[in-house]
Amino acid sequence: MRQGDTVAVVSPSGPPNAILLRRGVERLEGLGLKVVVGEHVLGRQELPYLAGADAARAADLQAAWCDPAVSTVFCARGGYGAARLLGLLDWAAMRAAGPKTLIGSSDITALHHAFAVELGVPTLHGPMPACDVIADEKRPEPRTWEHLRAALDRQAPPVIGDLVLSPGRAEGVLTGGNLSLLASMCGTRYHPSFAGKIVLLEDIGEEPYRIDRMLTQLLQAGAFNGVRGIALGSWVGCEDPYPVLKDRLLPLGVPILAGLPVGHGTPQMSVWLGALGAIDTESCSLAGLFRNEEQAR
């Protein structure tokens, strides 16, 4: 992404705060970018947790992706609702538009996963413009902001964790995201499969027994069959998740790195999903390798 590029901001999930959205757009413009905002980005409807009707949110996302002037599509915020759009998008038209970059996290996990299946493009799991880490009144959270900018140039340093649950090193295409969203996609067209991959998991506001339930669902659905390694991000407001994470994941016998500042909270580092990555518990790092992803399969 270079100065002068056109980027779009859309709301495929929840409604953003208008003040935070304005600040986030200004921060992007401060990078020398031309920012176009989706027509329905501040939409509302009867269900207050959705940023407008499903058809309107899907139309904004598809229009941004298919606009030849747009190089990067930022999701304004997470919340809930992205999964409702998957059957409304014209995937053939979006494939024809060519590869671009989608950026978001949390509920945007549904789009990350579907874009990998339908479009085969890497997507960036990172902070969103209508969230506090970007749109704080004074300035963006500096570590988050600099890491995002570096990640967009594929020059980001490795993300460093602080806890090793199972030692070792693993390489593979990085997949995953928010645990709740991954579990919700079991049994759908976008049923998760982590075979031959490194899976990133994080969540917010979930009690340990709910984390147990979602991991058990994914395990019993076969999602973890053949997984090469596990990278655990933030667990904001989840009490102490590590006893259940160890209980459910250690029997897989793969390297597990935890305490990565990826997901919710501060800072929020950016990682490429659908691209080759490596976890190394000796250095407590998750790194993007940016080689041919076929080497990991």
Protein backbone atom coordinates (compact mmCIF):
# COMPACT_ATOMS: atom_id res chain seq x y z
CA MET A 1 0.00 0.00 0.00
CA ARG A 2 1.51 3.30 -1.15
CA GLN A 3 0.74 6.96 -0.72
CA GLY A 4 -1.98 7.96 -3.13
CA ASP A 5 -3.65 4.56 -3.09
CA THR A 6 -7.42 4.38 -2.69
CA VAL A 7 -8.73 2.32 0.21
CA ALA A 8 -12.30 1.61 1.26
CA VAL A 9 -13.95 1.38 4.68
CA VAL A 10 -17.08 -0.77 5.01
CA SER A 11 -19.20 -2.13 7.87
CA PRO A 12 -19.95 -5.84 7.30
CA SER A 13 -20.71 -6.44 10.98
CA GLY A 14 -21.81 -4.07 13.75
CA PRO A 15 -22.48 -0.33 13.51
CA PRO A 16 -19.39 1.79 14.20
CA ASN A 17 -19.32 4.83 16.42
CA ALA A 18 -19.46 7.80 14.03
CA ILE A 19 -16.82 9.80 15.92
CA LEU A 20 -14.39 6.88 16.05
CA LEU A 21 -15.02 6.18 12.38
CA ARG A 22 -14.24 9.78 11.43
CA ARG A 23 -11.01 9.71 13.42
CA GLY A 24 -10.01 6.38 11.91
CA VAL A 25 -10.59 7.68 8.40
CA GLU A 26 -8.52 10.76 9.19
CA ARG A 27 -5.67 8.54 10.44
CA LEU A 28 -5.69 6.63 7.16
CA GLU A 29 -5.78 9.87 5.21
CA GLY A 30 -2.78 10.98 7.24
CA LEU A 31 -0.84 8.16 5.56
CA GLY A 32 -1.46 9.82 2.21
CA LEU A 33 -4.31 7.49 1.28
CA LYS A 34 -7.55 8.38 -0.45
CA VAL A 35 -10.34 6.90 1.66
CA VAL A 36 -13.78 6.05 0.29
CA VAL A 37 -16.47 5.09 2.81
CA GLY A 38 -19.21 2.60 2.02
CA GLU A 39 -22.66 4.04 1.39
CA HIS A 40 -24.19 2.12 4.29
CA VAL A 41 -21.27 2.23 6.71
CA LEU A 42 -23.35 3.96 9.40
CA GLY A 43 -26.55 2.09 8.58
CA ARG A 44 -29.08 1.01 11.17
CA GLN A 45 -32.06 -1.34 11.21
CA GLU A 46 -34.37 -3.13 13.65
CA LEU A 47 -31.59 -5.35 14.93
CA PRO A 48 -29.35 -2.78 16.63
CA TYR A 49 -26.24 -4.97 16.54
CA LEU A 50 -26.12 -4.86 12.71
CA ALA A 51 -24.86 -1.93 10.62
CA GLY A 52 -27.89 -1.96 8.33
CA ALA A 53 -29.63 -4.67 6.34
CA ASP A 54 -27.65 -7.72 5.25
CA ALA A 55 -28.11 -6.88 1.56
CA ALA A 56 -26.82 -3.33 2.09
CA ARG A 57 -23.75 -4.46 4.03
CA ALA A 58 -22.98 -7.12 1.45
CA ALA A 59 -23.40 -4.62 -1.38
CA ASP A 60 -20.91 -2.22 0.23
CA LEU A 61 -18.34 -4.95 0.73
CA GLN A 62 -18.71 -6.31 -2.80
CA ALA A 63 -18.66 -2.86 -4.37
CA ALA A 64 -15.45 -1.98 -2.54
CA TRP A 65 -13.76 -5.24 -3.50
CA CYS A 66 -14.82 -4.99 -7.14
CA ASP A 67 -13.88 -1.30 -7.52
CA PRO A 68 -10.72 -1.31 -9.67
CA ALA A 69 -9.53 1.87 -7.96
CA VAL A 70 -9.54 0.28 -4.49
CA SER A 71 -6.47 -1.67 -3.37
CA THR A 72 -7.39 -2.36 0.26
CA VAL A 73 -10.68 -2.85 2.10
CA PHE A 74 -10.80 -2.01 5.81
CA CYS A 75 -13.65 -3.33 7.95
CA ALA A 76 -14.74 -0.50 10.25
CA ARG A 77 -15.22 -2.71 13.31
CA GLY A 78 -16.28 -6.18 14.41
CA GLY A 79 -19.27 -7.01 16.58
CA TYR A 80 -21.54 -9.46 14.82
CA GLY A 81 -23.04 -10.01 11.39
CA ALA A 82 -20.30 -10.84 8.88
CA ALA A 83 -21.34 -14.50 8.61
CA ARG A 84 -24.80 -13.41 7.49
CA LEU A 85 -23.30 -11.97 4.31
CA LEU A 86 -21.52 -15.07 3.00
CA GLY A 87 -24.47 -16.32 0.96
CA LEU A 88 -25.19 -12.86 -0.46
CA LEU A 89 -21.82 -12.11 -2.04
CA ASP A 90 -21.18 -12.73 -5.74
CA TRP A 91 -17.98 -14.68 -5.32
CA ALA A 92 -17.45 -15.05 -9.07
CA ALA A 93 -17.51 -11.29 -9.51
CA MET A 94 -15.16 -10.84 -6.57
CA ARG A 95 -12.74 -13.43 -7.97
CA ALA A 96 -12.77 -11.58 -11.26
CA ALA A 97 -11.80 -8.36 -9.48
CA GLY A 98 -8.38 -9.83 -8.70
CA PRO A 99 -6.43 -10.03 -5.45
CA LYS A 100 -6.72 -7.22 -2.92
CA THR A 101 -6.27 -6.91 0.83
CA LEU A 102 -9.04 -7.28 3.41
CA ILE A 103 -8.28 -6.03 6.93
CA GLY A 104 -10.21 -6.72 10.12
CA SER A 105 -10.48 -8.97 13.16
CA SER A 106 -12.94 -10.40 15.69
CA ASP A 107 -16.23 -11.00 13.81
CA ILE A 108 -14.35 -10.46 10.54
CA THR A 109 -12.97 -13.97 11.10
CA ALA A 110 -16.00 -15.16 9.10
CA LEU A 111 -14.81 -13.13 6.10
CA HIS A 112 -11.16 -14.15 6.53
CA HIS A 113 -12.20 -17.78 6.40
CA ALA A 114 -14.60 -17.39 3.47
CA PHE A 115 -12.16 -15.26 1.45
CA ALA A 116 -9.55 -18.02 1.82
CA VAL A 117 -12.03 -20.63 0.56
CA GLU A 118 -13.70 -18.61 -2.20
CA LEU A 119 -10.95 -16.24 -3.38
CA GLY A 120 -7.74 -17.90 -2.24
CA VAL A 121 -6.22 -14.60 -1.14
CA PRO A 122 -4.29 -13.81 2.05
CA THR A 123 -6.10 -11.42 4.38
CA LEU A 124 -4.79 -9.29 7.22
CA HIS A 125 -5.99 -10.00 10.75
CA GLY A 126 -5.46 -6.59 12.32
CA PRO A 127 -6.90 -3.48 13.96
CA MET A 128 -9.87 -1.63 12.49
CA PRO A 129 -10.29 2.12 11.91
CA ALA A 130 -13.36 2.63 14.13
CA CYS A 131 -11.76 0.96 17.16
CA ASP A 132 -9.90 2.64 20.03
CA VAL A 133 -6.42 1.39 19.13
CA ILE A 134 -6.62 3.34 15.85
CA ALA A 135 -9.17 6.04 16.64
CA ASP A 136 -8.14 7.12 20.13
CA GLU A 137 -8.74 10.84 20.67
CA LYS A 138 -5.03 11.64 21.09
CA ARG A 139 -3.30 9.25 18.70
CA PRO A 140 -3.32 5.64 17.54
CA GLU A 141 -1.79 3.15 19.93
CA PRO A 142 1.81 3.41 18.63
CA ARG A 143 2.83 -0.28 18.66
CA THR A 144 -0.43 -1.27 16.97
CA TRP A 145 -0.18 1.49 14.37
CA GLU A 146 3.44 0.87 13.42
CA HIS A 147 2.98 -2.89 13.22
CA LEU A 148 -0.07 -2.45 10.97
CA ARG A 149 1.84 -0.17 8.64
CA ALA A 150 4.76 -2.61 8.51
CA ALA A 151 2.43 -5.57 7.95
CA LEU A 152 0.82 -3.85 4.97
CA ASP A 153 4.31 -3.69 3.43
CA ARG A 154 4.96 -7.31 4.51
CA GLN A 155 7.83 -5.99 6.60
CA ALA A 156 6.37 -6.52 10.07
CA PRO A 157 8.67 -8.01 12.71
CA PRO A 158 7.60 -11.26 14.37
CA VAL A 159 4.90 -11.07 17.02
CA ILE A 160 6.30 -12.06 20.41
CA GLY A 161 4.36 -14.11 22.94
CA ASP A 162 5.12 -14.67 26.61
CA LEU A 163 4.05 -18.23 27.36
CA VAL A 164 4.92 -21.65 25.95
CA LEU A 165 2.32 -24.37 26.48
CA SER A 166 4.08 -26.97 24.33
CA PRO A 167 7.61 -26.48 22.93
CA GLY A 168 8.71 -26.78 19.32
CA ARG A 169 8.71 -25.11 15.94
CA ALA A 170 6.13 -25.37 13.19
CA GLU A 171 5.63 -23.88 9.73
CA GLY A 172 2.40 -23.77 7.79
CA VAL A 173 -0.20 -21.50 6.30
CA LEU A 174 -1.67 -19.44 9.14
CA THR A 175 -5.42 -19.69 9.58
CA GLY A 176 -8.02 -19.13 12.31
CA GLY A 177 -8.97 -16.03 14.25
CA ASN A 178 -11.79 -15.63 16.73
CA LEU A 179 -12.70 -18.91 18.42
CA SER A 180 -16.43 -18.14 18.66
CA LEU A 181 -16.69 -17.47 14.93
CA LEU A 182 -14.70 -20.56 13.99
CA ALA A 183 -16.95 -22.75 16.13
CA SER A 184 -20.05 -21.14 14.63
CA MET A 185 -18.93 -22.19 11.14
CA CYS A 186 -18.87 -25.90 11.97
CA GLY A 187 -21.29 -27.80 9.74
CA THR A 188 -21.52 -25.00 7.17
CA ARG A 189 -20.01 -24.66 3.71
CA TYR A 190 -17.08 -23.00 5.48
CA HIS A 191 -16.46 -25.78 7.99
CA PRO A 192 -13.00 -25.14 9.49
CA SER A 193 -10.08 -27.43 8.71
CA PHE A 194 -6.63 -26.76 10.18
CA ALA A 195 -4.91 -29.72 8.50
CA GLY A 196 -1.30 -28.88 7.63
CA LYS A 197 -1.69 -25.38 9.06
CA ILE A 198 -0.92 -23.22 12.06
CA VAL A 199 -4.13 -22.06 13.72
CA LEU A 200 -4.50 -18.72 15.53
CA LEU A 201 -7.11 -18.63 18.29
CA GLU A 202 -8.31 -15.71 20.42
CA ASP A 203 -11.53 -14.45 22.00
CA ILE A 204 -13.09 -11.88 24.30
CA GLY A 205 -15.61 -12.07 27.13
CA GLU A 206 -15.95 -15.87 27.18
CA GLU A 207 -15.95 -17.85 30.41
CA PRO A 208 -13.66 -20.90 30.52
CA TYR A 209 -16.52 -23.40 30.22
CA ARG A 210 -17.63 -21.70 27.00
CA ILE A 211 -14.08 -21.86 25.64
CA ASP A 212 -14.14 -25.55 26.56
CA ARG A 213 -17.41 -26.04 24.71
CA MET A 214 -16.19 -24.33 21.52
CA LEU A 215 -12.86 -26.15 21.48
CA THR A 216 -14.64 -29.45 22.10
CA GLN A 217 -17.00 -28.72 19.20
CA LEU A 218 -14.07 -28.03 16.85
CA LEU A 219 -12.18 -31.09 18.09
CA GLN A 220 -15.15 -33.40 17.67
CA ALA A 221 -15.84 -31.91 14.23
CA GLY A 222 -12.31 -32.86 13.14
CA ALA A 223 -11.14 -29.28 12.61
CA PHE A 224 -7.83 -29.90 14.42
CA ASN A 225 -6.97 -33.09 12.54
CA GLY A 226 -3.48 -32.66 11.09
CA VAL A 227 -2.84 -29.24 12.65
CA ARG A 228 0.88 -28.36 12.73
CA GLY A 229 0.93 -25.77 15.50
CA ILE A 230 -1.23 -23.42 17.56
CA ALA A 231 -0.75 -19.71 18.23
CA LEU A 232 -2.88 -18.31 21.05
CA GLY A 233 -3.64 -14.61 21.01
CA SER A 234 -5.46 -12.44 23.55
CA TRP A 235 -8.22 -13.65 25.88
CA VAL A 236 -9.60 -10.36 27.18
CA GLY A 237 -12.26 -10.78 29.86
CA CYS A 238 -12.01 -14.59 29.76
CA GLU A 239 -10.92 -15.08 33.40
CA ASP A 240 -8.02 -17.57 33.33
CA PRO A 241 -8.40 -19.51 30.06
CA TYR A 242 -5.14 -21.44 30.27
CA PRO A 243 -6.27 -24.49 32.28
CA VAL A 244 -8.93 -25.30 29.69
CA LEU A 245 -6.65 -24.40 26.76
CA LYS A 246 -4.04 -26.82 28.09
CA ASP A 247 -6.63 -29.52 28.81
CA ARG A 248 -8.13 -29.40 25.31
CA LEU A 249 -5.07 -28.59 23.17
CA LEU A 250 -2.02 -30.25 24.73
CA PRO A 251 -3.19 -33.77 23.72
CA LEU A 252 -2.76 -32.70 20.08
CA GLY A 253 1.00 -32.98 20.60
CA VAL A 254 1.96 -29.92 18.54
CA PRO A 255 3.88 -26.73 19.44
CA ILE A 256 1.67 -24.21 21.23
CA LEU A 257 2.73 -20.60 21.74
CA ALA A 258 0.56 -18.31 23.88
CA GLY A 259 0.35 -14.73 25.10
CA LEU A 260 0.52 -13.19 21.62
CA PRO A 261 -0.89 -9.62 21.47
CA VAL A 262 -3.20 -10.49 18.58
CA GLY A 263 -6.97 -10.13 18.69
CA HIS A 264 -8.50 -7.81 21.28
CA GLY A 265 -6.94 -5.53 23.88
CA THR A 266 -3.85 -3.34 23.54
CA PRO A 267 -1.67 -3.58 21.58
CA GLN A 268 -3.17 -5.40 18.60
CA MET A 269 -0.53 -6.75 16.26
CA SER A 270 -1.30 -7.66 12.65
CA VAL A 271 -0.79 -11.09 11.10
CA TRP A 272 -1.43 -12.41 7.60
CA LEU A 273 -3.94 -15.26 7.39
CA GLY A 274 -3.70 -17.49 4.35
CA ALA A 275 0.05 -16.86 4.11
CA LEU A 276 2.95 -18.96 5.30
CA GLY A 277 3.95 -18.45 8.91
CA ALA A 278 6.06 -20.06 11.61
CA ILE A 279 5.86 -20.37 15.37
CA ASP A 280 9.06 -20.91 17.35
CA THR A 281 8.66 -21.43 21.08
CA GLU A 282 12.37 -20.92 21.71
CA SER A 283 12.07 -17.28 20.60
CA CYS A 284 8.34 -17.12 21.57
CA SER A 285 7.61 -15.74 18.12
CA LEU A 286 4.99 -15.93 15.39
CA ALA A 287 6.51 -14.78 12.09
CA GLY A 288 5.26 -14.37 8.53
CA LEU A 289 7.57 -16.06 6.04
CA PHE A 290 6.05 -14.77 2.76
CA ARG A 291 7.33 -17.61 0.64
CA ASN A 292 5.26 -19.65 -1.76
CA GLU A 293 2.42 -20.97 0.39
CA GLU A 294 2.47 -24.24 -1.56
CA GLN A 295 5.67 -25.12 0.30
CA ALA A 296 3.66 -25.39 3.51
CA ARG A 297 1.03 -27.75 2.18
